[in-house]
Structure formats: structure tokens, C-alpha cells
N, C-alpha and C. Protein backbone atom coordinates (compact mmCIF):
# COMPACT_ATOMS: atom_id res chain seq x y z
N MET A 1 -54.59 -62.09 22.61
CA MET A 1 -54.29 -61.72 21.26
C MET A 1 -54.31 -62.98 20.42
N LYS A 2 -54.90 -62.92 19.27
CA LYS A 2 -54.96 -64.06 18.37
C LYS A 2 -54.28 -63.71 17.06
N ALA A 3 -53.33 -64.54 16.69
CA ALA A 3 -52.66 -64.42 15.39
C ALA A 3 -53.24 -65.50 14.48
N PRO A 4 -53.12 -65.37 13.18
CA PRO A 4 -53.61 -66.42 12.28
C PRO A 4 -52.95 -67.77 12.59
N ASP A 5 -53.68 -68.85 12.35
CA ASP A 5 -53.18 -70.19 12.67
C ASP A 5 -51.86 -70.53 12.01
N ASP A 6 -51.59 -70.00 10.83
CA ASP A 6 -50.31 -70.31 10.18
C ASP A 6 -49.14 -69.56 10.83
N ILE A 7 -49.43 -68.57 11.67
CA ILE A 7 -48.39 -67.83 12.39
C ILE A 7 -48.20 -68.43 13.79
N SER A 8 -49.29 -68.63 14.52
CA SER A 8 -49.25 -69.23 15.86
C SER A 8 -50.53 -70.02 16.06
N LYS A 9 -50.37 -71.30 16.31
CA LYS A 9 -51.55 -72.17 16.47
C LYS A 9 -52.23 -71.97 17.82
N SER A 10 -51.55 -71.35 18.76
CA SER A 10 -52.09 -71.13 20.10
C SER A 10 -52.30 -69.64 20.36
N ALA A 11 -53.26 -69.35 21.20
CA ALA A 11 -53.49 -67.96 21.61
C ALA A 11 -52.28 -67.46 22.39
N ILE A 12 -52.05 -66.17 22.31
CA ILE A 12 -50.94 -65.54 23.03
C ILE A 12 -51.56 -64.57 24.03
N TYR A 13 -51.24 -64.76 25.30
CA TYR A 13 -51.78 -63.92 26.35
C TYR A 13 -50.71 -62.92 26.77
N PHE A 14 -51.01 -61.65 26.60
CA PHE A 14 -50.07 -60.56 26.86
C PHE A 14 -50.56 -59.79 28.08
N THR A 15 -49.82 -59.86 29.18
CA THR A 15 -50.20 -59.19 30.42
C THR A 15 -49.32 -57.97 30.61
N ILE A 16 -49.96 -56.84 30.86
CA ILE A 16 -49.26 -55.58 31.10
C ILE A 16 -49.50 -55.21 32.56
N VAL A 17 -48.41 -55.09 33.33
CA VAL A 17 -48.51 -54.79 34.76
C VAL A 17 -48.13 -53.34 34.99
N GLY A 18 -48.96 -52.63 35.74
CA GLY A 18 -48.69 -51.23 36.06
C GLY A 18 -49.98 -50.44 35.99
N ASP A 19 -50.08 -49.42 36.80
CA ASP A 19 -51.30 -48.61 36.82
C ASP A 19 -51.40 -47.78 35.55
N THR A 20 -50.94 -46.55 35.58
CA THR A 20 -51.04 -45.70 34.39
C THR A 20 -49.83 -45.86 33.47
N THR A 21 -48.71 -46.34 34.00
CA THR A 21 -47.52 -46.57 33.20
C THR A 21 -47.11 -48.03 33.34
N PRO A 22 -46.97 -48.75 32.23
CA PRO A 22 -46.55 -50.15 32.33
C PRO A 22 -45.20 -50.29 33.02
N LYS A 23 -45.07 -51.32 33.88
CA LYS A 23 -43.82 -51.60 34.59
C LYS A 23 -43.24 -52.95 34.22
N MET A 24 -44.09 -53.89 33.80
CA MET A 24 -43.65 -55.23 33.43
C MET A 24 -44.59 -55.80 32.40
N PHE A 25 -44.05 -56.74 31.61
CA PHE A 25 -44.84 -57.47 30.62
C PHE A 25 -44.65 -58.96 30.85
N PHE A 26 -45.70 -59.71 30.58
CA PHE A 26 -45.62 -61.17 30.60
C PHE A 26 -46.34 -61.70 29.37
N ILE A 27 -45.83 -62.77 28.82
CA ILE A 27 -46.49 -63.44 27.71
C ILE A 27 -46.63 -64.90 28.10
N ASN A 28 -47.77 -65.47 27.80
CA ASN A 28 -48.00 -66.87 28.03
C ASN A 28 -48.69 -67.45 26.81
N SER A 29 -48.33 -68.67 26.47
CA SER A 29 -48.92 -69.35 25.33
C SER A 29 -48.63 -70.84 25.45
N LYS A 30 -49.45 -71.65 24.83
CA LYS A 30 -49.18 -73.08 24.77
C LYS A 30 -48.07 -73.39 23.77
N ASP A 31 -47.82 -72.47 22.85
CA ASP A 31 -46.78 -72.65 21.84
C ASP A 31 -45.43 -72.38 22.50
N MET A 32 -44.64 -73.42 22.69
CA MET A 32 -43.37 -73.30 23.40
C MET A 32 -42.18 -73.19 22.46
N GLN A 33 -42.41 -73.09 21.17
CA GLN A 33 -41.33 -73.08 20.17
C GLN A 33 -40.32 -71.96 20.44
N SER A 34 -40.76 -70.78 20.79
CA SER A 34 -39.87 -69.63 20.99
C SER A 34 -39.86 -69.15 22.43
N PHE A 35 -40.18 -70.03 23.36
CA PHE A 35 -40.36 -69.63 24.76
C PHE A 35 -39.14 -68.90 25.32
N GLN A 36 -37.92 -69.41 25.08
CA GLN A 36 -36.73 -68.79 25.66
C GLN A 36 -36.55 -67.36 25.15
N TRP A 37 -36.85 -67.10 23.89
CA TRP A 37 -36.72 -65.75 23.33
C TRP A 37 -37.80 -64.83 23.86
N ILE A 38 -38.98 -65.36 24.06
CA ILE A 38 -40.07 -64.56 24.61
C ILE A 38 -39.72 -64.11 26.02
N ILE A 39 -39.23 -65.03 26.84
CA ILE A 39 -38.84 -64.69 28.21
C ILE A 39 -37.73 -63.64 28.21
N ALA A 40 -36.72 -63.83 27.37
CA ALA A 40 -35.61 -62.86 27.30
C ALA A 40 -36.10 -61.48 26.89
N LEU A 41 -36.96 -61.43 25.88
CA LEU A 41 -37.47 -60.15 25.40
C LEU A 41 -38.31 -59.44 26.46
N MET A 42 -39.23 -60.16 27.08
CA MET A 42 -40.11 -59.54 28.07
C MET A 42 -39.33 -59.12 29.32
N THR A 43 -38.34 -59.92 29.71
CA THR A 43 -37.51 -59.55 30.86
C THR A 43 -36.71 -58.28 30.56
N SER A 44 -36.16 -58.21 29.37
CA SER A 44 -35.38 -57.01 28.98
C SER A 44 -36.26 -55.77 28.92
N TYR A 45 -37.43 -55.89 28.27
CA TYR A 45 -38.34 -54.75 28.19
C TYR A 45 -38.81 -54.32 29.58
N SER A 46 -39.13 -55.29 30.44
CA SER A 46 -39.58 -54.96 31.79
C SER A 46 -38.48 -54.24 32.57
N ARG A 47 -37.24 -54.70 32.42
CA ARG A 47 -36.11 -54.06 33.10
C ARG A 47 -35.95 -52.61 32.61
N LEU A 48 -36.05 -52.41 31.30
CA LEU A 48 -35.95 -51.05 30.76
C LEU A 48 -37.03 -50.13 31.34
N LEU A 49 -38.25 -50.65 31.46
CA LEU A 49 -39.33 -49.85 32.04
C LEU A 49 -39.05 -49.48 33.48
N ARG A 50 -38.59 -50.45 34.27
CA ARG A 50 -38.31 -50.18 35.68
C ARG A 50 -37.14 -49.20 35.84
N MET A 51 -36.26 -49.14 34.83
CA MET A 51 -35.13 -48.20 34.86
C MET A 51 -35.54 -46.81 34.36
N GLY A 52 -36.80 -46.65 33.96
CA GLY A 52 -37.28 -45.33 33.56
C GLY A 52 -37.31 -45.06 32.08
N SER A 53 -37.03 -46.06 31.25
CA SER A 53 -37.09 -45.85 29.81
C SER A 53 -38.55 -45.57 29.40
N PRO A 54 -38.77 -44.61 28.53
CA PRO A 54 -40.14 -44.31 28.11
C PRO A 54 -40.77 -45.49 27.37
N VAL A 55 -42.00 -45.80 27.73
CA VAL A 55 -42.70 -46.92 27.10
C VAL A 55 -42.85 -46.70 25.60
N GLU A 56 -42.91 -45.46 25.17
CA GLU A 56 -43.02 -45.16 23.74
C GLU A 56 -41.82 -45.70 22.95
N ASN A 57 -40.62 -45.67 23.56
CA ASN A 57 -39.43 -46.22 22.90
C ASN A 57 -39.57 -47.72 22.70
N ILE A 58 -40.08 -48.40 23.70
CA ILE A 58 -40.28 -49.84 23.61
C ILE A 58 -41.35 -50.17 22.58
N ILE A 59 -42.43 -49.40 22.58
CA ILE A 59 -43.50 -49.60 21.59
C ILE A 59 -42.93 -49.46 20.18
N ASN A 60 -42.13 -48.43 19.95
CA ASN A 60 -41.53 -48.22 18.62
C ASN A 60 -40.61 -49.38 18.23
N ASP A 61 -39.80 -49.85 19.19
CA ASP A 61 -38.93 -50.99 18.91
C ASP A 61 -39.76 -52.22 18.53
N MET A 62 -40.82 -52.46 19.26
CA MET A 62 -41.66 -53.62 18.99
C MET A 62 -42.32 -53.51 17.61
N LYS A 63 -42.79 -52.33 17.29
CA LYS A 63 -43.47 -52.13 16.00
C LYS A 63 -42.52 -52.21 14.82
N GLU A 64 -41.22 -52.04 15.05
CA GLU A 64 -40.23 -52.13 13.97
C GLU A 64 -39.71 -53.55 13.76
N THR A 65 -40.10 -54.48 14.61
CA THR A 65 -39.63 -55.86 14.51
C THR A 65 -40.39 -56.60 13.42
N PHE A 66 -39.64 -57.27 12.54
CA PHE A 66 -40.30 -58.00 11.46
C PHE A 66 -39.91 -59.47 11.50
N ASP A 67 -40.75 -60.29 10.93
CA ASP A 67 -40.53 -61.72 10.82
C ASP A 67 -40.14 -62.02 9.38
N PRO A 68 -38.96 -62.59 9.15
CA PRO A 68 -38.56 -62.89 7.78
C PRO A 68 -39.49 -63.91 7.11
N GLY A 69 -40.30 -64.59 7.92
CA GLY A 69 -41.26 -65.54 7.37
C GLY A 69 -42.49 -64.87 6.76
N GLY A 70 -42.64 -63.58 6.98
CA GLY A 70 -43.76 -62.85 6.37
C GLY A 70 -44.63 -62.13 7.38
N SER A 71 -45.49 -61.29 6.85
CA SER A 71 -46.41 -60.50 7.66
C SER A 71 -47.79 -61.15 7.62
N TYR A 72 -48.73 -60.55 8.38
CA TYR A 72 -50.10 -61.05 8.38
C TYR A 72 -51.08 -59.93 8.71
N ILE A 73 -52.32 -60.15 8.38
CA ILE A 73 -53.40 -59.22 8.71
C ILE A 73 -53.96 -59.65 10.06
N ILE A 74 -54.07 -58.71 11.01
CA ILE A 74 -54.63 -59.03 12.33
C ILE A 74 -56.06 -59.54 12.13
N PRO A 75 -56.36 -60.73 12.68
CA PRO A 75 -57.68 -61.33 12.44
C PRO A 75 -58.80 -60.77 13.33
N ASP A 76 -58.87 -59.45 13.46
CA ASP A 76 -59.93 -58.84 14.26
C ASP A 76 -60.90 -58.02 13.41
N GLY A 77 -60.71 -58.11 12.09
CA GLY A 77 -61.57 -57.37 11.18
C GLY A 77 -61.11 -55.95 10.90
N SER A 78 -60.01 -55.52 11.52
CA SER A 78 -59.53 -54.14 11.34
C SER A 78 -58.80 -53.95 10.01
N GLY A 79 -58.29 -55.04 9.45
CA GLY A 79 -57.54 -54.94 8.21
C GLY A 79 -56.11 -54.46 8.39
N VAL A 80 -55.65 -54.36 9.64
CA VAL A 80 -54.30 -53.88 9.92
C VAL A 80 -53.29 -54.99 9.64
N LYS A 81 -52.25 -54.64 8.87
CA LYS A 81 -51.19 -55.58 8.53
C LYS A 81 -50.01 -55.35 9.47
N VAL A 82 -49.49 -56.44 10.05
CA VAL A 82 -48.33 -56.35 10.94
C VAL A 82 -47.21 -57.22 10.37
N SER A 83 -45.98 -56.82 10.69
CA SER A 83 -44.82 -57.52 10.14
C SER A 83 -44.32 -58.67 11.01
N SER A 84 -44.91 -58.83 12.22
CA SER A 84 -44.50 -59.91 13.12
C SER A 84 -45.46 -59.96 14.31
N ILE A 85 -45.33 -61.02 15.09
CA ILE A 85 -46.10 -61.12 16.34
C ILE A 85 -45.66 -60.00 17.29
N VAL A 86 -44.36 -59.71 17.32
CA VAL A 86 -43.86 -58.64 18.21
C VAL A 86 -44.44 -57.28 17.78
N HIS A 87 -44.55 -57.04 16.49
CA HIS A 87 -45.19 -55.82 15.98
C HIS A 87 -46.63 -55.76 16.47
N HIS A 88 -47.34 -56.88 16.38
CA HIS A 88 -48.73 -56.97 16.85
C HIS A 88 -48.81 -56.64 18.34
N LEU A 89 -47.89 -57.21 19.14
CA LEU A 89 -47.86 -56.92 20.57
C LEU A 89 -47.59 -55.44 20.82
N GLY A 90 -46.74 -54.83 20.01
CA GLY A 90 -46.48 -53.39 20.14
C GLY A 90 -47.73 -52.56 19.93
N LEU A 91 -48.57 -52.98 18.97
CA LEU A 91 -49.84 -52.28 18.74
C LEU A 91 -50.79 -52.46 19.92
N VAL A 92 -50.81 -53.67 20.50
CA VAL A 92 -51.65 -53.91 21.68
C VAL A 92 -51.19 -53.03 22.83
N LEU A 93 -49.87 -52.96 23.05
CA LEU A 93 -49.33 -52.13 24.12
C LEU A 93 -49.62 -50.65 23.86
N GLU A 94 -49.45 -50.21 22.63
CA GLU A 94 -49.74 -48.82 22.28
C GLU A 94 -51.20 -48.47 22.56
N LYS A 95 -52.10 -49.34 22.18
CA LYS A 95 -53.53 -49.12 22.43
C LYS A 95 -53.79 -49.04 23.94
N HIS A 96 -53.17 -49.92 24.70
CA HIS A 96 -53.33 -49.92 26.16
C HIS A 96 -52.86 -48.59 26.76
N VAL A 97 -51.69 -48.13 26.33
CA VAL A 97 -51.12 -46.89 26.87
C VAL A 97 -52.00 -45.69 26.49
N LEU A 98 -52.48 -45.65 25.27
CA LEU A 98 -53.31 -44.53 24.81
C LEU A 98 -54.67 -44.50 25.48
N GLU A 99 -55.21 -45.69 25.81
CA GLU A 99 -56.57 -45.75 26.36
C GLU A 99 -56.61 -45.74 27.89
N THR A 100 -55.47 -45.91 28.56
CA THR A 100 -55.46 -45.92 30.01
C THR A 100 -55.50 -44.49 30.52
N PRO A 101 -56.50 -44.17 31.38
CA PRO A 101 -56.58 -42.81 31.94
C PRO A 101 -55.32 -42.49 32.75
N LYS A 102 -54.84 -41.30 32.61
CA LYS A 102 -53.62 -40.88 33.32
C LYS A 102 -53.96 -40.23 34.64
């Protein structure tokens, strides 16, 4: 996933583990500014998934997260505006869930 350079100077790699239903998430990036929060968030979301929480709830939570520093247009030509990197990740996860054969 690529965010605009003024939001994140490094690419963000979002790994979704699980066959038809996600079970764990991992994020990796060279940008270490928010690393501790990223680990805490992904660990919490992964734990919720393993406990049986519907992935749709997590997607909605992610899409509702905003950055007080401002929103941005996803730089993929789609023209979609997101309110944070976490919102962007929620859209990536939603697309993955919708497109994965059940």
C-alpha cells in the first residue's frame, strides 16, 4: 500500500493471514515513527479475529479511524479519499475479504 509522501515516506506492507477468513494481520514499513502503536493495533485486531469477532466489525472500526493531521486521496488513481492510514488499511482489508472466494 502506498500513501502520499507527506503522509508516509515509506511503503506500508499489509499482510493478511488466513484462507477465506482473515486470522492475523501484520504491517511492516521502514517508517518506525509509530511502530509501537502499529504492533499494538495489529496484535489486538488479530486477537479479536482468533476469538471469533466478525472481520466486518474490524473493517468498520478501521474505516472510522481518522487522523487529526488530515485526510488524503489514495494515490492509485481511484480518487478515493481516506481519513487516515488506518482507514486506507480498512479499505484494503475490505477489498481482500470481498474478493476472496469463500
